[in-house]
Amino acid sequence: MVTSADVVLVVLDGTERTRTLVRGLVDNDVRTALTSDSVHELVPLLSGARRGLVYGVVADPSDGRQVDRLFERVGQTLGAVTVILDPGELLTGNRAVSHAA
């Protein structure tokens, strides 16, 4: 169960299901980091979001260096990631898991 103490990283996959998931997290005051390889996918979810609650990073989830940098940036902004939600299974390898708190 995710709580407001968590920092959740959501890997966007372009589906309405994932957008609904993000809205639910934000509505429940869960610190939420969003990532996509497309700024066009991030912007609608960031519009009107409370500062300090939602953070977006454009990154290619299949590029290990970009994934490393993603976790650094989220950690500096929201805190260490405690939960990774990747409905489309876009993150590759165990690299992301090694970053989660």
N, C-alpha and C. Protein backbone atom coordinates (compact mmCIF):
# COMPACT_ATOMS: atom_id res chain seq x y z
N MET A 1 0.84 -1.18 0.00
CA MET A 1 0.00 0.00 0.00
C MET A 1 0.89 1.25 0.00
N VAL A 2 0.58 2.18 -0.86
CA VAL A 2 1.32 3.43 -0.97
C VAL A 2 0.73 4.45 -0.02
N THR A 3 1.60 5.19 0.69
CA THR A 3 1.14 6.22 1.61
C THR A 3 1.79 7.56 1.26
N SER A 4 1.37 8.59 1.94
CA SER A 4 1.94 9.92 1.70
C SER A 4 3.40 10.00 2.13
N ALA A 5 3.90 9.00 2.84
CA ALA A 5 5.31 8.97 3.23
C ALA A 5 6.19 8.46 2.08
N ASP A 6 5.59 7.84 1.08
CA ASP A 6 6.34 7.28 -0.04
C ASP A 6 6.68 8.32 -1.09
N VAL A 7 7.69 8.00 -1.88
CA VAL A 7 7.99 8.72 -3.12
C VAL A 7 7.84 7.69 -4.23
N VAL A 8 6.86 7.91 -5.09
CA VAL A 8 6.52 6.94 -6.12
C VAL A 8 7.02 7.43 -7.47
N LEU A 9 7.75 6.59 -8.16
CA LEU A 9 8.17 6.86 -9.53
C LEU A 9 7.22 6.13 -10.46
N VAL A 10 6.55 6.88 -11.35
CA VAL A 10 5.66 6.28 -12.33
C VAL A 10 6.28 6.44 -13.71
N VAL A 11 6.48 5.32 -14.38
CA VAL A 11 6.98 5.32 -15.75
C VAL A 11 5.76 5.36 -16.66
N LEU A 12 5.56 6.51 -17.31
CA LEU A 12 4.38 6.69 -18.15
C LEU A 12 4.49 5.85 -19.41
N ASP A 13 3.36 5.24 -19.78
CA ASP A 13 3.34 4.37 -20.95
C ASP A 13 2.30 4.78 -21.99
N GLY A 14 1.74 5.99 -21.82
CA GLY A 14 0.79 6.51 -22.80
C GLY A 14 -0.63 6.01 -22.66
N THR A 15 -0.93 5.28 -21.59
CA THR A 15 -2.28 4.74 -21.44
C THR A 15 -3.11 5.56 -20.45
N GLU A 16 -4.41 5.52 -20.65
CA GLU A 16 -5.33 6.20 -19.73
C GLU A 16 -5.25 5.56 -18.34
N ARG A 17 -5.03 4.27 -18.28
CA ARG A 17 -4.92 3.57 -17.00
C ARG A 17 -3.80 4.18 -16.15
N THR A 18 -2.66 4.45 -16.77
CA THR A 18 -1.54 5.03 -16.03
C THR A 18 -1.83 6.47 -15.65
N ARG A 19 -2.45 7.24 -16.53
CA ARG A 19 -2.81 8.62 -16.18
C ARG A 19 -3.78 8.64 -15.00
N THR A 20 -4.73 7.71 -14.97
CA THR A 20 -5.67 7.61 -13.86
C THR A 20 -4.94 7.26 -12.56
N LEU A 21 -3.98 6.37 -12.65
CA LEU A 21 -3.16 6.00 -11.50
C LEU A 21 -2.43 7.22 -10.94
N VAL A 22 -1.85 8.03 -11.83
CA VAL A 22 -1.13 9.24 -11.41
C VAL A 22 -2.08 10.20 -10.71
N ARG A 23 -3.25 10.42 -11.29
CA ARG A 23 -4.22 11.34 -10.66
C ARG A 23 -4.61 10.85 -9.26
N GLY A 24 -4.76 9.55 -9.10
CA GLY A 24 -5.09 8.98 -7.79
C GLY A 24 -4.00 9.22 -6.77
N LEU A 25 -2.75 9.05 -7.18
CA LEU A 25 -1.63 9.30 -6.28
C LEU A 25 -1.60 10.76 -5.85
N VAL A 26 -1.72 11.65 -6.81
CA VAL A 26 -1.66 13.08 -6.52
C VAL A 26 -2.84 13.51 -5.66
N ASP A 27 -4.03 13.00 -5.95
CA ASP A 27 -5.22 13.33 -5.16
C ASP A 27 -5.06 12.90 -3.70
N ASN A 28 -4.22 11.90 -3.47
CA ASN A 28 -3.98 11.41 -2.11
C ASN A 28 -2.68 11.94 -1.51
N ASP A 29 -2.17 13.04 -2.09
CA ASP A 29 -0.98 13.73 -1.58
C ASP A 29 0.26 12.84 -1.50
N VAL A 30 0.41 11.94 -2.44
CA VAL A 30 1.60 11.10 -2.52
C VAL A 30 2.62 11.80 -3.41
N ARG A 31 3.84 11.96 -2.90
CA ARG A 31 4.90 12.56 -3.72
C ARG A 31 5.15 11.64 -4.91
N THR A 32 4.98 12.21 -6.10
CA THR A 32 4.97 11.41 -7.32
C THR A 32 5.93 11.98 -8.34
N ALA A 33 6.86 11.13 -8.79
CA ALA A 33 7.77 11.49 -9.87
C ALA A 33 7.29 10.79 -11.13
N LEU A 34 7.23 11.54 -12.21
CA LEU A 34 6.78 10.99 -13.48
C LEU A 34 7.93 11.00 -14.46
N THR A 35 8.03 9.96 -15.26
CA THR A 35 9.03 9.96 -16.31
C THR A 35 8.45 9.39 -17.59
N SER A 36 8.92 9.97 -18.68
CA SER A 36 8.53 9.54 -20.02
C SER A 36 9.63 10.00 -20.96
N ASP A 37 9.71 9.36 -22.10
CA ASP A 37 10.67 9.85 -23.09
C ASP A 37 10.06 10.96 -23.93
N SER A 38 8.82 11.38 -23.58
CA SER A 38 8.12 12.43 -24.32
C SER A 38 7.64 13.54 -23.39
N VAL A 39 8.09 14.75 -23.63
CA VAL A 39 7.62 15.89 -22.85
C VAL A 39 6.12 16.08 -23.03
N HIS A 40 5.61 15.71 -24.19
CA HIS A 40 4.18 15.87 -24.47
C HIS A 40 3.32 14.98 -23.58
N GLU A 41 3.87 13.89 -23.12
CA GLU A 41 3.14 13.03 -22.20
C GLU A 41 3.19 13.56 -20.77
N LEU A 42 4.27 14.23 -20.42
CA LEU A 42 4.44 14.76 -19.06
C LEU A 42 3.61 16.01 -18.80
N VAL A 43 3.62 16.93 -19.73
CA VAL A 43 3.04 18.27 -19.50
C VAL A 43 1.60 18.22 -19.01
N PRO A 44 0.69 17.47 -19.64
CA PRO A 44 -0.69 17.48 -19.14
C PRO A 44 -0.83 17.01 -17.70
N LEU A 45 0.03 16.11 -17.27
CA LEU A 45 -0.05 15.61 -15.90
C LEU A 45 0.60 16.55 -14.89
N LEU A 46 1.49 17.40 -15.37
CA LEU A 46 2.16 18.36 -14.49
C LEU A 46 1.39 19.66 -14.35
N SER A 47 0.56 19.97 -15.32
CA SER A 47 -0.20 21.22 -15.31
C SER A 47 -1.09 21.29 -14.08
N GLY A 48 -0.92 22.33 -13.30
CA GLY A 48 -1.75 22.55 -12.12
C GLY A 48 -1.36 21.70 -10.92
N ALA A 49 -0.34 20.89 -11.04
CA ALA A 49 0.08 20.04 -9.92
C ALA A 49 0.75 20.89 -8.85
N ARG A 50 0.56 20.48 -7.60
CA ARG A 50 1.18 21.20 -6.48
C ARG A 50 2.69 21.04 -6.50
N ARG A 51 3.37 22.16 -6.39
CA ARG A 51 4.83 22.14 -6.33
C ARG A 51 5.29 21.34 -5.11
N GLY A 52 6.30 20.54 -5.30
CA GLY A 52 6.80 19.71 -4.22
C GLY A 52 6.08 18.39 -4.07
N LEU A 53 5.01 18.20 -4.85
CA LEU A 53 4.25 16.96 -4.79
C LEU A 53 4.46 16.12 -6.05
N VAL A 54 4.57 16.80 -7.20
CA VAL A 54 4.73 16.10 -8.48
C VAL A 54 5.94 16.68 -9.19
N TYR A 55 6.75 15.79 -9.75
CA TYR A 55 7.97 16.19 -10.44
C TYR A 55 8.08 15.35 -11.70
N GLY A 56 8.38 15.98 -12.82
CA GLY A 56 8.50 15.26 -14.07
C GLY A 56 9.90 15.34 -14.65
N VAL A 57 10.35 14.23 -15.22
CA VAL A 57 11.67 14.16 -15.84
C VAL A 57 11.54 13.44 -17.18
N VAL A 58 12.00 14.09 -18.24
CA VAL A 58 12.06 13.42 -19.53
C VAL A 58 13.30 12.54 -19.52
N ALA A 59 13.10 11.24 -19.71
CA ALA A 59 14.22 10.29 -19.73
C ALA A 59 13.79 9.05 -20.51
N ASP A 60 14.75 8.46 -21.17
CA ASP A 60 14.52 7.21 -21.89
C ASP A 60 14.71 6.06 -20.90
N PRO A 61 13.64 5.34 -20.56
CA PRO A 61 13.75 4.29 -19.54
C PRO A 61 14.60 3.10 -19.97
N SER A 62 15.00 3.06 -21.22
CA SER A 62 15.86 1.96 -21.67
C SER A 62 17.35 2.34 -21.66
N ASP A 63 17.65 3.59 -21.30
CA ASP A 63 19.03 4.08 -21.27
C ASP A 63 19.51 4.14 -19.82
N GLY A 64 20.44 3.26 -19.47
CA GLY A 64 20.91 3.15 -18.09
C GLY A 64 21.42 4.45 -17.50
N ARG A 65 22.15 5.22 -18.28
CA ARG A 65 22.68 6.49 -17.74
C ARG A 65 21.55 7.48 -17.47
N GLN A 66 20.55 7.51 -18.35
CA GLN A 66 19.42 8.40 -18.11
C GLN A 66 18.62 7.95 -16.88
N VAL A 67 18.51 6.65 -16.69
CA VAL A 67 17.81 6.13 -15.50
C VAL A 67 18.57 6.52 -14.24
N ASP A 68 19.89 6.40 -14.25
CA ASP A 68 20.69 6.82 -13.09
C ASP A 68 20.45 8.29 -12.77
N ARG A 69 20.49 9.12 -13.78
CA ARG A 69 20.28 10.57 -13.60
C ARG A 69 18.86 10.86 -13.13
N LEU A 70 17.89 10.12 -13.64
CA LEU A 70 16.50 10.27 -13.22
C LEU A 70 16.38 10.08 -11.71
N PHE A 71 16.96 9.01 -11.19
CA PHE A 71 16.88 8.75 -9.75
C PHE A 71 17.61 9.82 -8.94
N GLU A 72 18.72 10.32 -9.45
CA GLU A 72 19.43 11.41 -8.77
C GLU A 72 18.54 12.64 -8.67
N ARG A 73 17.93 13.02 -9.78
CA ARG A 73 17.11 14.24 -9.81
C ARG A 73 15.87 14.10 -8.93
N VAL A 74 15.22 12.96 -8.99
CA VAL A 74 14.05 12.75 -8.13
C VAL A 74 14.46 12.78 -6.67
N GLY A 75 15.57 12.13 -6.34
CA GLY A 75 16.05 12.13 -4.96
C GLY A 75 16.33 13.52 -4.43
N GLN A 76 16.90 14.37 -5.27
CA GLN A 76 17.21 15.74 -4.87
C GLN A 76 15.95 16.59 -4.72
N THR A 77 14.90 16.24 -5.43
CA THR A 77 13.69 17.07 -5.44
C THR A 77 12.61 16.57 -4.49
N LEU A 78 12.32 15.28 -4.51
CA LEU A 78 11.22 14.73 -3.71
C LEU A 78 11.69 13.82 -2.58
N GLY A 79 12.90 13.32 -2.69
CA GLY A 79 13.40 12.32 -1.75
C GLY A 79 13.61 11.00 -2.47
N ALA A 80 14.18 10.05 -1.76
CA ALA A 80 14.50 8.75 -2.37
C ALA A 80 13.23 8.02 -2.80
N VAL A 81 13.28 7.44 -3.98
CA VAL A 81 12.15 6.67 -4.51
C VAL A 81 11.97 5.42 -3.65
N THR A 82 10.73 5.20 -3.19
CA THR A 82 10.43 4.01 -2.38
C THR A 82 9.57 3.01 -3.14
N VAL A 83 8.87 3.48 -4.18
CA VAL A 83 7.99 2.61 -4.97
C VAL A 83 8.16 2.94 -6.44
N ILE A 84 8.30 1.92 -7.27
CA ILE A 84 8.37 2.10 -8.72
C ILE A 84 7.13 1.47 -9.34
N LEU A 85 6.37 2.27 -10.09
CA LEU A 85 5.21 1.76 -10.83
C LEU A 85 5.54 1.88 -12.31
N ASP A 86 5.64 0.75 -12.96
CA ASP A 86 6.03 0.68 -14.37
C ASP A 86 5.04 -0.22 -15.10
N PRO A 87 3.79 0.24 -15.27
CA PRO A 87 2.75 -0.61 -15.85
C PRO A 87 3.09 -1.17 -17.23
N GLY A 88 3.82 -0.41 -18.03
CA GLY A 88 4.17 -0.86 -19.37
C GLY A 88 5.47 -1.64 -19.43
N GLU A 89 6.09 -1.86 -18.26
CA GLU A 89 7.36 -2.58 -18.15
C GLU A 89 8.41 -2.01 -19.11
N LEU A 90 8.58 -0.69 -19.03
CA LEU A 90 9.50 0.01 -19.92
C LEU A 90 10.92 0.12 -19.36
N LEU A 91 11.07 0.04 -18.04
CA LEU A 91 12.41 0.06 -17.46
C LEU A 91 13.09 -1.27 -17.75
N THR A 92 14.33 -1.21 -18.13
CA THR A 92 15.03 -2.44 -18.47
C THR A 92 16.07 -2.79 -17.42
N GLY A 93 16.25 -4.07 -17.19
CA GLY A 93 17.28 -4.55 -16.29
C GLY A 93 16.97 -4.28 -14.83
N ASN A 94 17.94 -4.52 -13.99
CA ASN A 94 17.79 -4.34 -12.54
C ASN A 94 18.31 -3.00 -12.07
N ARG A 95 18.75 -2.16 -12.98
CA ARG A 95 19.36 -0.88 -12.62
C ARG A 95 18.41 -0.03 -11.77
N ALA A 96 17.15 0.09 -12.17
CA ALA A 96 16.20 0.92 -11.43
C ALA A 96 15.95 0.36 -10.03
N VAL A 97 15.83 -0.94 -9.92
CA VAL A 97 15.58 -1.56 -8.63
C VAL A 97 16.70 -1.25 -7.65
N SER A 98 17.92 -1.17 -8.13
CA SER A 98 19.05 -0.87 -7.25
C SER A 98 18.98 0.54 -6.69
N HIS A 99 18.21 1.42 -7.31
CA HIS A 99 18.08 2.79 -6.83
C HIS A 99 16.97 2.96 -5.80
N ALA A 100 15.96 2.12 -5.84
CA ALA A 100 14.80 2.30 -4.96
C ALA A 100 15.21 2.09 -3.51
N ALA A 101 14.69 2.95 -2.64
CA ALA A 101 15.03 2.89 -1.21
C ALA A 101 14.37 1.70 -0.55
